[in-house]
Every structure is written in C-alpha cells, then in structure tokens.
Protein backbone atom coordinates (compact mmCIF):
# COMPACT_ATOMS: atom_id res chain seq x y z
CA MET A 1 -0.23 0.13 0.29
CA SER A 2 1.04 3.39 -1.15
CA GLU A 3 2.17 6.37 1.43
CA VAL A 4 -0.81 7.99 0.34
CA ALA A 5 -3.13 5.45 1.05
CA GLU A 6 -2.10 4.62 4.67
CA LYS A 7 -2.55 8.02 5.47
CA VAL A 8 -5.97 8.11 3.42
CA GLU A 9 -7.15 4.86 5.11
CA PHE A 10 -5.95 5.93 8.94
CA LEU A 11 -8.11 9.75 8.51
CA LEU A 12 -11.42 7.93 6.65
CA ARG A 13 -11.66 4.56 9.24
CA GLY A 14 -13.48 6.50 11.75
CA ALA A 15 -15.76 8.21 9.88
CA VAL A 16 -16.70 5.40 7.42
CA GLU A 17 -17.34 3.24 10.76
CA GLU A 18 -19.36 6.02 12.23
CA GLN A 19 -21.78 5.51 9.54
CA GLY A 20 -22.37 1.72 10.19
CA LEU A 21 -19.44 0.25 7.46
CA GLU A 22 -16.18 -1.38 7.41
CA LEU A 23 -13.45 0.46 4.79
CA VAL A 24 -12.29 -2.31 3.06
CA HIS A 25 -9.31 -0.63 0.99
CA VAL A 26 -8.13 2.30 0.17
CA GLN A 27 -6.31 2.62 -3.40
CA TYR A 28 -3.82 5.39 -4.27
CA LEU A 29 -2.96 5.47 -8.33
CA GLY A 30 -0.52 8.16 -8.90
CA ARG A 31 -0.82 9.06 -12.30
CA ARG A 32 0.26 12.88 -13.71
CA ARG A 33 -3.04 13.34 -15.20
CA SER A 34 -5.97 12.33 -12.83
CA PRO A 35 -4.85 10.62 -9.79
CA LEU A 36 -7.41 7.89 -8.85
CA LEU A 37 -8.14 7.93 -4.60
CA ARG A 38 -10.33 4.38 -4.57
CA VAL A 39 -12.27 3.66 -1.53
CA TYR A 40 -13.92 0.15 -1.16
CA ILE A 41 -16.85 0.13 1.82
CA ASP A 42 -19.15 -2.66 3.10
CA LYS A 43 -21.35 -3.75 5.29
CA PRO A 44 -24.06 -6.87 6.02
CA GLY A 45 -26.44 -7.05 3.26
CA GLY A 46 -23.68 -5.04 0.64
CA VAL A 47 -23.41 -1.28 0.19
CA THR A 48 -26.17 1.20 -1.05
CA LEU A 49 -25.48 4.04 -3.71
CA GLU A 50 -26.17 6.34 -1.00
CA ASP A 51 -23.68 4.82 1.40
CA CYS A 52 -21.01 5.53 -0.98
CA GLN A 53 -22.64 9.17 -1.53
CA THR A 54 -22.37 9.81 2.21
CA VAL A 55 -18.35 8.43 2.29
CA SER A 56 -17.48 10.44 -0.69
CA ARG A 57 -18.70 13.50 0.38
CA GLN A 58 -17.42 13.11 4.22
CA ALA A 59 -13.76 11.85 2.28
CA GLY A 60 -14.06 14.67 0.16
CA VAL A 61 -14.24 17.09 3.25
CA LEU A 62 -11.79 15.14 5.30
CA LEU A 63 -9.16 15.28 2.47
CA ASP A 64 -9.65 18.75 1.30
CA VAL A 65 -9.14 19.89 5.02
CA GLU A 66 -5.71 17.70 5.50
CA ASP A 67 -4.60 18.13 2.28
CA LEU A 68 -3.12 14.50 1.59
CA ILE A 69 -3.35 14.75 -2.25
CA PRO A 70 -1.94 18.44 -3.02
CA ALA A 71 -3.30 17.69 -6.84
CA ARG A 72 -6.42 17.55 -8.07
CA TYR A 73 -7.36 13.99 -7.92
CA VAL A 74 -10.42 11.38 -8.88
CA LEU A 75 -12.03 9.73 -5.67
CA GLU A 76 -13.73 6.46 -6.41
CA VAL A 77 -15.98 5.18 -3.81
CA SER A 78 -17.26 1.99 -4.18
CA SER A 79 -18.21 -1.68 -3.19
CA PRO A 80 -15.98 -4.24 -3.22
CA GLY A 81 -18.49 -6.00 -5.26
CA LEU A 82 -19.06 -9.99 -5.36
CA ASP A 83 -15.66 -11.01 -6.10
CA ARG A 84 -14.72 -9.02 -2.93
CA PRO A 85 -10.60 -8.76 -3.25
CA LEU A 86 -8.56 -9.52 0.15
CA PHE A 87 -5.89 -7.31 1.35
CA ARG A 88 -5.39 -8.02 5.14
CA VAL A 89 -4.83 -11.15 7.59
CA GLU A 90 -8.18 -10.16 8.99
CA ASP A 91 -9.87 -11.05 5.34
CA TYR A 92 -8.66 -14.33 5.32
CA LEU A 93 -9.62 -15.41 8.88
CA ARG A 94 -13.09 -13.87 8.85
CA PHE A 95 -13.79 -15.60 5.32
CA SER A 96 -12.45 -18.68 5.81
CA GLY A 97 -14.15 -21.58 4.45
CA ARG A 98 -14.51 -19.54 1.50
CA GLU A 99 -13.56 -20.49 -2.48
CA VAL A 100 -10.80 -17.72 -3.75
CA ARG A 101 -8.83 -17.42 -6.84
CA LEU A 102 -5.50 -16.33 -5.51
CA VAL A 103 -2.24 -15.52 -7.43
CA THR A 104 0.94 -15.16 -6.05
CA ARG A 105 4.50 -13.41 -6.57
CA GLU A 106 6.44 -15.88 -7.10
CA LYS A 107 5.71 -20.24 -8.24
CA ILE A 108 5.07 -22.42 -5.17
CA ASP A 109 5.08 -26.36 -7.16
CA SER A 110 5.88 -24.97 -10.35
CA ARG A 111 2.28 -22.18 -10.20
CA ARG A 112 0.95 -18.88 -9.75
CA LYS A 113 -2.52 -19.44 -10.00
CA PHE A 114 -4.34 -21.08 -7.08
CA THR A 115 -8.33 -21.50 -7.02
CA GLY A 116 -9.34 -23.01 -3.37
CA PHE A 117 -11.09 -22.98 0.19
CA ILE A 118 -9.08 -21.28 2.58
CA HIS A 119 -8.94 -23.76 5.21
CA ASP A 120 -7.11 -21.83 7.40
CA LEU A 121 -4.37 -18.53 8.13
CA SER A 122 -2.03 -19.05 11.10
CA ASP A 123 1.93 -17.68 11.71
CA GLY A 124 1.68 -16.05 7.91
CA VAL A 125 0.70 -18.99 6.56
CA VAL A 126 -2.70 -19.26 4.08
CA GLN A 127 -3.80 -23.07 4.02
CA LEU A 128 -5.66 -23.05 0.72
CA ASN A 129 -7.63 -26.37 -0.30
CA CYS A 130 -7.35 -26.95 -4.23
CA GLN A 131 -8.74 -29.51 -6.03
CA ASP A 132 -5.54 -31.64 -6.03
CA LYS A 133 -3.94 -30.95 -2.60
CA THR A 134 -3.52 -28.32 0.17
CA TYR A 135 -1.30 -25.86 -0.66
CA ARG A 136 0.71 -23.07 2.31
CA ILE A 137 0.90 -20.39 0.73
CA PRO A 138 2.91 -17.49 2.68
CA PHE A 139 1.00 -14.43 3.49
CA GLY A 140 3.71 -12.17 1.95
CA MET A 141 3.83 -14.24 -1.40
CA ILE A 142 0.19 -13.79 -2.65
CA ALA A 143 -0.05 -11.08 -5.08
CA LYS A 144 -3.93 -10.78 -5.35
CA ALA A 145 -6.99 -12.89 -4.09
CA ASN A 146 -10.46 -12.64 -4.85
CA LEU A 147 -13.87 -14.25 -3.27
CA VAL A 148 -15.08 -16.55 -5.87
CA TYR A 149 -18.69 -16.34 -6.49
CA ARG A 150 -21.18 -18.33 -7.99
CA PHE A 151 -24.13 -18.14 -8.99
CA ALA A 152 -27.36 -21.14 -7.76
CA ASP A 153 -27.49 -23.35 -10.28
CA SER A 154 -31.11 -22.83 -10.02
CA PHE A 155 -30.06 -19.24 -12.09
CA ARG A 156 -28.06 -20.54 -14.78
CA LYS A 157 -29.63 -21.97 -18.17
C-alpha cells in the first residue's frame, strides 16, 4: 500500500465506521493526469448508492482539510463487489471456508494461480484446499486474491 493510501485509510477509518460501514481498502494510483483514489466500503447485506455518496462527501471534506493529495484527483467510492478482493490477514480469517482465486508473486509447486477454499491462516501462512491438494502459501507471497462467487444452479440456463 502506498504512503498516501495508508494516510487516507487512517484519516477515513473512523468516519466510515461511524456510518456503520467497514473500510475494506484504500488504493491510490498516482498518475500524472488525474490521480485516482479508490475507497472500498462494505457492510452486511451490501452497500447502497447512498452509502457511497455519504462516504464520498465525508472523504472529500476530510481530504480537503488535511490536504493529503495536493493535486486534483478523482475520488471513487464503491463496494468491493461479489468477487471481493482480500487484502488483510483479517480478510482471510473472516472468509475462512470460502472459495478464492489467488495469484502468488512467485511460483509454488510450479504454479502461481490457485483456486481453492481457505482452510486456515496461522503463523503468516494461508492453507488453501485446492482440488488436487492443500497448499501452504505465505501471506507475503500473495499478489492478489478474490472471493469466488458462483450463481446458484437454479439461475443457470
């Protein structure tokens, strides 16, 4: 996480939680033209457009006062979506038993892409039950991970 994103996350966490929401992640993409600040929020049952608008207004005011991003930037507030990304150790613990797609920074057993169920996370290692076996993946080696959402068979044609 960039230094700007860390500062923004620290600044916004309390305001977001006061609204009964979870601050999932903050991402700052410092492009030359129009830097982008993404704020992901969530709550049980999912977030509404109103939730996003409220957090966007609050974030805009707080960021203007603190002047953490001196240039003009684009602020985007949204839900993490059905294929929610996992960023923190707490995410893996919370979604234990759920299916994830995971990509590692380096190969483990000759592969970098895994799809399986989170079995456990302890001592900094994620145990991922894949179809063929259980993999032990150090948390620091995970480049990207998302929950897998599968539509119920009744909706398929």
